[in-house]
Amino acid sequence: MPLSRARAEEIATACLVWLANDEELLPVFMGASGLAAEDLRSAAQDPHFLGSVLDFVLMDDAWVMAFCQAEGLDYELPGQARQMLPGGEQVHWT
């Protein structure tokens, strides 16, 4: 069963909290996003930004595994959540 948009946002928000608590990974994310630390809380309300959080974590299988293990989630859920957020639609080129 596909995830709801609300559940996808919950997963992405949990991912953001997980990132924020990782002293090594957070600066990498902040540098990649270009977001200032003081803007993080307001950005977390934007579904587009939440999609970018998942995009970032999905770049590395080890990050996905660490996040999912910390949250007790199946490894497939971050990718499924990403598909439900803006910009996550699968593109079919044929």
PDB file of N, CA and C in Angstrom:
ATOM      1  N   MET A   1       0.842  -1.184   0.000  1.00  0.00           N
ATOM      2  CA  MET A   1       0.000   0.000   0.000  1.00  0.00           C
ATOM      3  C   MET A   1       0.885   1.245   0.000  1.00  0.00           C
ATOM      4  N   PRO A   2       0.625   2.192  -0.908  1.00  0.00           N
ATOM      5  CA  PRO A   2       1.439   3.408  -0.957  1.00  0.00           C
ATOM      6  C   PRO A   2       1.267   4.249   0.312  1.00  0.00           C
ATOM      7  N   LEU A   3       2.303   4.994   0.610  1.00  0.00           N
ATOM      8  CA  LEU A   3       2.256   5.897   1.755  1.00  0.00           C
ATOM      9  C   LEU A   3       1.353   7.082   1.457  1.00  0.00           C
ATOM     10  N   SER A   4       0.750   7.616   2.490  1.00  0.00           N
ATOM     11  CA  SER A   4       0.009   8.865   2.332  1.00  0.00           C
ATOM     12  C   SER A   4       1.011  10.017   2.324  1.00  0.00           C
ATOM     13  N   ARG A   5       0.563  11.130   1.822  1.00  0.00           N
ATOM     14  CA  ARG A   5       1.420  12.322   1.821  1.00  0.00           C
ATOM     15  C   ARG A   5       1.778  12.724   3.250  1.00  0.00           C
ATOM     16  N   ALA A   6       0.821  12.625   4.157  1.00  0.00           N
ATOM     17  CA  ALA A   6       1.073  12.976   5.563  1.00  0.00           C
ATOM     18  C   ALA A   6       2.125  12.053   6.172  1.00  0.00           C
ATOM     19  N   ARG A   7       2.046  10.754   5.883  1.00  0.00           N
ATOM     20  CA  ARG A   7       3.037   9.807   6.416  1.00  0.00           C
ATOM     21  C   ARG A   7       4.408  10.084   5.807  1.00  0.00           C
ATOM     22  N   ALA A   8       4.441  10.436   4.538  1.00  0.00           N
ATOM     23  CA  ALA A   8       5.712  10.770   3.887  1.00  0.00           C
ATOM     24  C   ALA A   8       6.349  11.989   4.559  1.00  0.00           C
ATOM     25  N   GLU A   9       5.538  12.976   4.893  1.00  0.00           N
ATOM     26  CA  GLU A   9       6.063  14.156   5.574  1.00  0.00           C
ATOM     27  C   GLU A   9       6.556  13.811   6.972  1.00  0.00           C
ATOM     28  N   GLU A  10       5.866  12.898   7.652  1.00  0.00           N
ATOM     29  CA  GLU A  10       6.322  12.450   8.977  1.00  0.00           C
ATOM     30  C   GLU A  10       7.687  11.779   8.894  1.00  0.00           C
ATOM     31  N   ILE A  11       7.864  10.929   7.899  1.00  0.00           N
ATOM     32  CA  ILE A  11       9.135  10.239   7.723  1.00  0.00           C
ATOM     33  C   ILE A  11      10.236  11.241   7.407  1.00  0.00           C
ATOM     34  N   ALA A  12       9.951  12.186   6.522  1.00  0.00           N
ATOM     35  CA  ALA A  12      10.948  13.192   6.159  1.00  0.00           C
ATOM     36  C   ALA A  12      11.291  14.081   7.350  1.00  0.00           C
ATOM     37  N   THR A  13      10.309  14.421   8.159  1.00  0.00           N
ATOM     38  CA  THR A  13      10.571  15.232   9.351  1.00  0.00           C
ATOM     39  C   THR A  13      11.420  14.454  10.345  1.00  0.00           C
ATOM     40  N   ALA A  14      11.126  13.182  10.517  1.00  0.00           N
ATOM     41  CA  ALA A  14      11.954  12.340  11.391  1.00  0.00           C
ATOM     42  C   ALA A  14      13.377  12.261  10.861  1.00  0.00           C
ATOM     43  N   CYS A  15      13.510  12.226   9.559  1.00  0.00           N
ATOM     44  CA  CYS A  15      14.834  12.197   8.940  1.00  0.00           C
ATOM     45  C   CYS A  15      15.587  13.500   9.217  1.00  0.00           C
ATOM     46  N   LEU A  16      14.892  14.607   9.142  1.00  0.00           N
ATOM     47  CA  LEU A  16      15.507  15.902   9.440  1.00  0.00           C
ATOM     48  C   LEU A  16      15.967  15.959  10.893  1.00  0.00           C
ATOM     49  N   VAL A  17      15.153  15.478  11.803  1.00  0.00           N
ATOM     50  CA  VAL A  17      15.528  15.449  13.219  1.00  0.00           C
ATOM     51  C   VAL A  17      16.751  14.552  13.412  1.00  0.00           C
ATOM     52  N   TRP A  18      16.751  13.420  12.733  1.00  0.00           N
ATOM     53  CA  TRP A  18      17.894  12.508  12.804  1.00  0.00           C
ATOM     54  C   TRP A  18      19.161  13.205  12.305  1.00  0.00           C
ATOM     55  N   LEU A  19      19.039  13.902  11.178  1.00  0.00           N
ATOM     56  CA  LEU A  19      20.187  14.655  10.645  1.00  0.00           C
ATOM     57  C   LEU A  19      20.655  15.728  11.624  1.00  0.00           C
ATOM     58  N   ALA A  20      19.713  16.434  12.203  1.00  0.00           N
ATOM     59  CA  ALA A  20      20.051  17.529  13.119  1.00  0.00           C
ATOM     60  C   ALA A  20      20.798  17.032  14.350  1.00  0.00           C
ATOM     61  N   ASN A  21      20.614  15.779  14.699  1.00  0.00           N
ATOM     62  CA  ASN A  21      21.286  15.210  15.861  1.00  0.00           C
ATOM     63  C   ASN A  21      22.611  14.530  15.517  1.00  0.00           C
ATOM     64  N   ASP A  22      22.981  14.537  14.253  1.00  0.00           N
ATOM     65  CA  ASP A  22      24.234  13.930  13.817  1.00  0.00           C
ATOM     66  C   ASP A  22      25.272  15.032  13.604  1.00  0.00           C
ATOM     67  N   GLU A  23      26.210  15.144  14.529  1.00  0.00           N
ATOM     68  CA  GLU A  23      27.180  16.245  14.509  1.00  0.00           C
ATOM     69  C   GLU A  23      28.100  16.223  13.297  1.00  0.00           C
ATOM     70  N   GLU A  24      28.294  15.062  12.695  1.00  0.00           N
ATOM     71  CA  GLU A  24      29.154  14.974  11.513  1.00  0.00           C
ATOM     72  C   GLU A  24      28.386  15.212  10.224  1.00  0.00           C
ATOM     73  N   LEU A  25      27.183  14.683  10.151  1.00  0.00           N
ATOM     74  CA  LEU A  25      26.416  14.754   8.911  1.00  0.00           C
ATOM     75  C   LEU A  25      25.661  16.064   8.735  1.00  0.00           C
ATOM     76  N   LEU A  26      25.233  16.668   9.836  1.00  0.00           N
ATOM     77  CA  LEU A  26      24.472  17.918   9.728  1.00  0.00           C
ATOM     78  C   LEU A  26      25.227  19.004   8.976  1.00  0.00           C
ATOM     79  N   PRO A  27      26.501  19.259   9.269  1.00  0.00           N
ATOM     80  CA  PRO A  27      27.205  20.302   8.509  1.00  0.00           C
ATOM     81  C   PRO A  27      27.302  19.989   7.009  1.00  0.00           C
ATOM     82  N   VAL A  28      27.391  18.717   6.675  1.00  0.00           N
ATOM     83  CA  VAL A  28      27.435  18.326   5.262  1.00  0.00           C
ATOM     84  C   VAL A  28      26.096  18.664   4.602  1.00  0.00           C
ATOM     85  N   PHE A  29      25.011  18.321   5.293  1.00  0.00           N
ATOM     86  CA  PHE A  29      23.679  18.636   4.767  1.00  0.00           C
ATOM     87  C   PHE A  29      23.483  20.145   4.649  1.00  0.00           C
ATOM     88  N   MET A  30      23.849  20.872   5.686  1.00  0.00           N
ATOM     89  CA  MET A  30      23.665  22.326   5.667  1.00  0.00           C
ATOM     90  C   MET A  30      24.463  22.954   4.524  1.00  0.00           C
ATOM     91  N   GLY A  31      25.676  22.479   4.313  1.00  0.00           N
ATOM     92  CA  GLY A  31      26.486  22.988   3.210  1.00  0.00           C
ATOM     93  C   GLY A  31      25.879  22.661   1.860  1.00  0.00           C
ATOM     94  N   ALA A  32      25.353  21.447   1.733  1.00  0.00           N
ATOM     95  CA  ALA A  32      24.747  21.037   0.470  1.00  0.00           C
ATOM     96  C   ALA A  32      23.450  21.787   0.199  1.00  0.00           C
ATOM     97  N   SER A  33      22.689  22.067   1.253  1.00  0.00           N
ATOM     98  CA  SER A  33      21.401  22.737   1.071  1.00  0.00           C
ATOM     99  C   SER A  33      21.540  24.244   0.925  1.00  0.00           C
ATOM    100  N   GLY A  34      22.616  24.802   1.477  1.00  0.00           N
ATOM    101  CA  GLY A  34      22.793  26.252   1.461  1.00  0.00           C
ATOM    102  C   GLY A  34      21.905  26.965   2.459  1.00  0.00           C
ATOM    103  N   LEU A  35      21.270  26.217   3.325  1.00  0.00           N
ATOM    104  CA  LEU A  35      20.346  26.772   4.304  1.00  0.00           C
ATOM    105  C   LEU A  35      21.096  27.244   5.548  1.00  0.00           C
ATOM    106  N   ALA A  36      20.701  28.372   6.069  1.00  0.00           N
ATOM    107  CA  ALA A  36      21.275  28.868   7.320  1.00  0.00           C
ATOM    108  C   ALA A  36      20.603  28.146   8.481  1.00  0.00           C
ATOM    109  N   ALA A  37      21.353  27.916   9.542  1.00  0.00           N
ATOM    110  CA  ALA A  37      20.838  27.182  10.697  1.00  0.00           C
ATOM    111  C   ALA A  37      19.562  27.807  11.262  1.00  0.00           C
ATOM    112  N   GLU A  38      19.493  29.117  11.266  1.00  0.00           N
ATOM    113  CA  GLU A  38      18.318  29.786  11.826  1.00  0.00           C
ATOM    114  C   GLU A  38      17.062  29.609  10.963  1.00  0.00           C
ATOM    115  N   ASP A  39      17.232  29.169   9.725  1.00  0.00           N
ATOM    116  CA  ASP A  39      16.096  28.964   8.830  1.00  0.00           C
ATOM    117  C   ASP A  39      15.611  27.519   8.792  1.00  0.00           C
ATOM    118  N   LEU A  40      16.302  26.656   9.512  1.00  0.00           N
ATOM    119  CA  LEU A  40      16.001  25.224   9.456  1.00  0.00           C
ATOM    120  C   LEU A  40      14.586  24.915   9.938  1.00  0.00           C
ATOM    121  N   ARG A  41      14.171  25.507  11.038  1.00  0.00           N
ATOM    122  CA  ARG A  41      12.854  25.218  11.605  1.00  0.00           C
ATOM    123  C   ARG A  41      11.724  25.632  10.650  1.00  0.00           C
ATOM    124  N   SER A  42      11.818  26.803  10.067  1.00  0.00           N
ATOM    125  CA  SER A  42      10.748  27.226   9.151  1.00  0.00           C
ATOM    126  C   SER A  42      10.775  26.416   7.855  1.00  0.00           C
ATOM    127  N   ALA A  43      11.964  26.038   7.396  1.00  0.00           N
ATOM    128  CA  ALA A  43      12.064  25.232   6.178  1.00  0.00           C
ATOM    129  C   ALA A  43      11.431  23.858   6.369  1.00  0.00           C
ATOM    130  N   ALA A  44      11.449  23.361   7.595  1.00  0.00           N
ATOM    131  CA  ALA A  44      10.903  22.036   7.885  1.00  0.00           C
ATOM    132  C   ALA A  44       9.399  21.968   7.629  1.00  0.00           C
ATOM    133  N   GLN A  45       8.739  23.096   7.482  1.00  0.00           N
ATOM    134  CA  GLN A  45       7.304  23.127   7.201  1.00  0.00           C
ATOM    135  C   GLN A  45       7.001  23.013   5.706  1.00  0.00           C
ATOM    136  N   ASP A  46       8.028  23.088   4.880  1.00  0.00           N
ATOM    137  CA  ASP A  46       7.872  23.092   3.428  1.00  0.00           C
ATOM    138  C   ASP A  46       8.054  21.675   2.871  1.00  0.00           C
ATOM    139  N   PRO A  47       7.030  21.102   2.243  1.00  0.00           N
ATOM    140  CA  PRO A  47       7.152  19.752   1.683  1.00  0.00           C
ATOM    141  C   PRO A  47       8.269  19.628   0.643  1.00  0.00           C
ATOM    142  N   HIS A  48       8.553  20.706  -0.095  1.00  0.00           N
ATOM    143  CA  HIS A  48       9.660  20.665  -1.049  1.00  0.00           C
ATOM    144  C   HIS A  48      10.987  20.485  -0.318  1.00  0.00           C
ATOM    145  N   PHE A  49      11.157  21.204   0.776  1.00  0.00           N
ATOM    146  CA  PHE A  49      12.376  21.072   1.564  1.00  0.00           C
ATOM    147  C   PHE A  49      12.472  19.671   2.166  1.00  0.00           C
ATOM    148  N   LEU A  50      11.361  19.150   2.667  1.00  0.00           N
ATOM    149  CA  LEU A  50      11.386  17.800   3.228  1.00  0.00           C
ATOM    150  C   LEU A  50      11.802  16.781   2.167  1.00  0.00           C
ATOM    151  N   GLY A  51      11.386  17.017   0.942  1.00  0.00           N
ATOM    152  CA  GLY A  51      11.837  16.161  -0.155  1.00  0.00           C
ATOM    153  C   GLY A  51      13.344  16.234  -0.337  1.00  0.00           C
ATOM    154  N   SER A  52      13.899  17.434  -0.186  1.00  0.00           N
ATOM    155  CA  SER A  52      15.350  17.577  -0.343  1.00  0.00           C
ATOM    156  C   SER A  52      16.103  16.897   0.798  1.00  0.00           C
ATOM    157  N   VAL A  53      15.495  16.844   1.976  1.00  0.00           N
ATOM    158  CA  VAL A  53      16.105  16.116   3.096  1.00  0.00           C
ATOM    159  C   VAL A  53      16.235  14.644   2.718  1.00  0.00           C
ATOM    160  N   LEU A  54      15.157  14.083   2.202  1.00  0.00           N
ATOM    161  CA  LEU A  54      15.201  12.684   1.789  1.00  0.00           C
ATOM    162  C   LEU A  54      16.146  12.475   0.615  1.00  0.00           C
ATOM    163  N   ASP A  55      16.161  13.406  -0.335  1.00  0.00           N
ATOM    164  CA  ASP A  55      17.103  13.302  -1.450  1.00  0.00           C
ATOM    165  C   ASP A  55      18.532  13.187  -0.930  1.00  0.00           C
ATOM    166  N   PHE A  56      18.862  14.012   0.043  1.00  0.00           N
ATOM    167  CA  PHE A  56      20.205  14.009   0.610  1.00  0.00           C
ATOM    168  C   PHE A  56      20.530  12.662   1.252  1.00  0.00           C
ATOM    169  N   VAL A  57      19.662  12.184   2.104  1.00  0.00           N
ATOM    170  CA  VAL A  57      19.930  10.924   2.806  1.00  0.00           C
ATOM    171  C   VAL A  57      19.958   9.748   1.833  1.00  0.00           C
ATOM    172  N   LEU A  58      19.124   9.798   0.811  1.00  0.00           N
ATOM    173  CA  LEU A  58      19.082   8.711  -0.164  1.00  0.00           C
ATOM    174  C   LEU A  58      20.329   8.628  -1.038  1.00  0.00           C
ATOM    175  N   MET A  59      21.202   9.605  -0.944  1.00  0.00           N
ATOM    176  CA  MET A  59      22.449   9.567  -1.721  1.00  0.00           C
ATOM    177  C   MET A  59      23.406   8.479  -1.225  1.00  0.00           C
ATOM    178  N   ASP A  60      23.237   8.020   0.008  1.00  0.00           N
ATOM    179  CA  ASP A  60      24.191   7.075   0.578  1.00  0.00           C
ATOM    180  C   ASP A  60      23.433   5.965   1.312  1.00  0.00           C
ATOM    181  N   ASP A  61      23.652   4.737   0.888  1.00  0.00           N
ATOM    182  CA  ASP A  61      22.953   3.615   1.518  1.00  0.00           C
ATOM    183  C   ASP A  61      23.238   3.533   3.016  1.00  0.00           C
ATOM    184  N   ALA A  62      24.441   3.869   3.426  1.00  0.00           N
ATOM    185  CA  ALA A  62      24.784   3.818   4.849  1.00  0.00           C
ATOM    186  C   ALA A  62      23.951   4.820   5.645  1.00  0.00           C
ATOM    187  N   TRP A  63      23.680   5.985   5.060  1.00  0.00           N
ATOM    188  CA  TRP A  63      22.844   6.985   5.733  1.00  0.00           C
ATOM    189  C   TRP A  63      21.405   6.483   5.849  1.00  0.00           C
ATOM    190  N   VAL A  64      20.913   5.889   4.767  1.00  0.00           N
ATOM    191  CA  VAL A  64      19.560   5.346   4.785  1.00  0.00           C
ATOM    192  C   VAL A  64      19.445   4.280   5.868  1.00  0.00           C
ATOM    193  N   MET A  65      20.411   3.382   5.891  1.00  0.00           N
ATOM    194  CA  MET A  65      20.378   2.308   6.877  1.00  0.00           C
ATOM    195  C   MET A  65      20.453   2.855   8.298  1.00  0.00           C
ATOM    196  N   ALA A  66      21.332   3.827   8.533  1.00  0.00           N
ATOM    197  CA  ALA A  66      21.471   4.401   9.875  1.00  0.00           C
ATOM    198  C   ALA A  66      20.186   5.091  10.310  1.00  0.00           C
ATOM    199  N   PHE A  67      19.587   5.863   9.417  1.00  0.00           N
ATOM    200  CA  PHE A  67      18.329   6.533   9.738  1.00  0.00           C
ATOM    201  C   PHE A  67      17.238   5.518  10.040  1.00  0.00           C
ATOM    202  N   CYS A  68      17.087   4.539   9.176  1.00  0.00           N
ATOM    203  CA  CYS A  68      16.025   3.552   9.354  1.00  0.00           C
ATOM    204  C   CYS A  68      16.220   2.737  10.629  1.00  0.00           C
ATOM    205  N   GLN A  69      17.451   2.384  10.924  1.00  0.00           N
ATOM    206  CA  GLN A  69      17.720   1.644  12.153  1.00  0.00           C
ATOM    207  C   GLN A  69      17.398   2.490  13.375  1.00  0.00           C
ATOM    208  N   ALA A  70      17.743   3.758  13.324  1.00  0.00           N
ATOM    209  CA  ALA A  70      17.474   4.653  14.457  1.00  0.00           C
ATOM    210  C   ALA A  70      15.977   4.840  14.678  1.00  0.00           C
ATOM    211  N   GLU A  71      15.209   4.827  13.591  1.00  0.00           N
ATOM    212  CA  GLU A  71      13.768   5.081  13.682  1.00  0.00           C
ATOM    213  C   GLU A  71      12.926   3.811  13.657  1.00  0.00           C
ATOM    214  N   GLY A  72      13.575   2.658  13.466  1.00  0.00           N
ATOM    215  CA  GLY A  72      12.821   1.404  13.401  1.00  0.00           C
ATOM    216  C   GLY A  72      11.973   1.288  12.149  1.00  0.00           C
ATOM    217  N   LEU A  73      12.475   1.810  11.032  1.00  0.00           N
ATOM    218  CA  LEU A  73      11.739   1.805   9.764  1.00  0.00           C
ATOM    219  C   LEU A  73      12.333   0.778   8.802  1.00  0.00           C
ATOM    220  N   ASP A  74      11.508   0.299   7.893  1.00  0.00           N
ATOM    221  CA  ASP A  74      12.004  -0.531   6.799  1.00  0.00           C
ATOM    222  C   ASP A  74      12.874   0.333   5.895  1.00  0.00           C
ATOM    223  N   TYR A  75      13.892  -0.276   5.323  1.00  0.00           N
ATOM    224  CA  TYR A  75      14.837   0.471   4.495  1.00  0.00           C
ATOM    225  C   TYR A  75      14.206   1.093   3.253  1.00  0.00           C
ATOM    226  N   GLU A  76      13.087   0.558   2.818  1.00  0.00           N
ATOM    227  CA  GLU A  76      12.439   1.070   1.609  1.00  0.00           C
ATOM    228  C   GLU A  76      11.627   2.338   1.864  1.00  0.00           C
ATOM    229  N   LEU A  77      11.283   2.604   3.102  1.00  0.00           N
ATOM    230  CA  LEU A  77      10.370   3.706   3.397  1.00  0.00           C
ATOM    231  C   LEU A  77      10.886   5.098   3.014  1.00  0.00           C
ATOM    232  N   PRO A  78      12.157   5.434   3.221  1.00  0.00           N
ATOM    233  CA  PRO A  78      12.581   6.776   2.789  1.00  0.00           C
ATOM    234  C   PRO A  78      12.388   7.001   1.285  1.00  0.00           C
ATOM    235  N   GLY A  79      12.691   6.004   0.477  1.00  0.00           N
ATOM    236  CA  GLY A  79      12.485   6.140  -0.968  1.00  0.00           C
ATOM    237  C   GLY A  79      11.016   6.259  -1.328  1.00  0.00           C
ATOM    238  N   GLN A  80      10.188   5.477  -0.657  1.00  0.00           N
ATOM    239  CA  GLN A  80       8.747   5.564  -0.897  1.00  0.00           C
ATOM    240  C   GLN A  80       8.205   6.922  -0.459  1.00  0.00           C
ATOM    241  N   ALA A  81       8.706   7.408   0.677  1.00  0.00           N
ATOM    242  CA  ALA A  81       8.270   8.722   1.160  1.00  0.00           C
ATOM    243  C   ALA A  81       8.687   9.803   0.166  1.00  0.00           C
ATOM    244  N   ARG A  82       9.881   9.671  -0.386  1.00  0.00           N
ATOM    245  CA  ARG A  82      10.359  10.678  -1.341  1.00  0.00           C
ATOM    246  C   ARG A  82       9.443  10.771  -2.542  1.00  0.00           C
ATOM    247  N   GLN A  83       8.937   9.645  -2.991  1.00  0.00           N
ATOM    248  CA  GLN A  83       8.058   9.633  -4.161  1.00  0.00           C
ATOM    249  C   GLN A  83       6.743  10.354  -3.900  1.00  0.00           C
ATOM    250  N   MET A  84       6.345  10.452  -2.654  1.00  0.00           N
ATOM    251  CA  MET A  84       5.070  11.079  -2.312  1.00  0.00           C
ATOM    252  C   MET A  84       5.175  12.594  -2.104  1.00  0.00           C
ATOM    253  N   LEU A  85       6.396  13.102  -2.048  1.00  0.00           N
ATOM    254  CA  LEU A  85       6.595  14.536  -1.813  1.00  0.00           C
ATOM    255  C   LEU A  85       6.853  15.249  -3.134  1.00  0.00           C
ATOM    256  N   PRO A  86       6.666  16.569  -3.191  1.00  0.00           N
ATOM    257  CA  PRO A  86       6.869  17.305  -4.439  1.00  0.00           C
ATOM    258  C   PRO A  86       8.248  17.047  -5.050  1.00  0.00           C
ATOM    259  N   GLY A  87       8.241  16.781  -6.342  1.00  0.00           N
ATOM    260  CA  GLY A  87       9.485  16.537  -7.069  1.00  0.00           C
ATOM    261  C   GLY A  87       9.948  15.100  -7.022  1.00  0.00           C
ATOM    262  N   GLY A  88       9.223  14.250  -6.332  1.00  0.00           N
ATOM    263  CA  GLY A  88       9.643  12.870  -6.188  1.00  0.00           C
ATOM    264  C   GLY A  88       9.001  11.909  -7.164  1.00  0.00           C
ATOM    265  N   GLU A  89       8.190  12.430  -8.060  1.00  0.00           N
ATOM    266  CA  GLU A  89       7.533  11.575  -9.032  1.00  0.00           C
ATOM    267  C   GLU A  89       8.580  10.897  -9.906  1.00  0.00           C
ATOM    268  N   GLN A  90       8.317   9.642 -10.223  1.00  0.00           N
ATOM    269  CA  GLN A  90       9.239   8.929 -11.104  1.00  0.00           C
ATOM    270  C   GLN A  90       9.007   9.407 -12.537  1.00  0.00           C
ATOM    271  N   VAL A  91      10.107   9.695 -13.207  1.00  0.00           N
ATOM    272  CA  VAL A  91      10.032  10.162 -14.587  1.00  0.00           C
ATOM    273  C   VAL A  91      10.262   8.979 -15.502  1.00  0.00           C
ATOM    274  N   HIS A  92       9.372   8.811 -16.444  1.00  0.00           N
ATOM    275  CA  HIS A  92       9.516   7.743 -17.442  1.00  0.00           C
ATOM    276  C   HIS A  92       9.906   8.406 -18.755  1.00  0.00           C
ATOM    277  N   TRP A  93      11.092   8.095 -19.222  1.00  0.00           N
ATOM    278  CA  TRP A  93      11.637   8.773 -20.393  1.00  0.00           C
ATOM    279  C   TRP A  93      11.221   8.110 -21.698  1.00  0.00           C
ATOM    280  N   THR A  94      10.506   7.007 -21.613  1.00  0.00           N
ATOM    281  CA  THR A  94      10.123   6.337 -22.863  1.00  0.00           C
ATOM    282  C   THR A  94       8.645   6.476 -23.125  1.00  0.00           C
TER     283      THR A  94
END
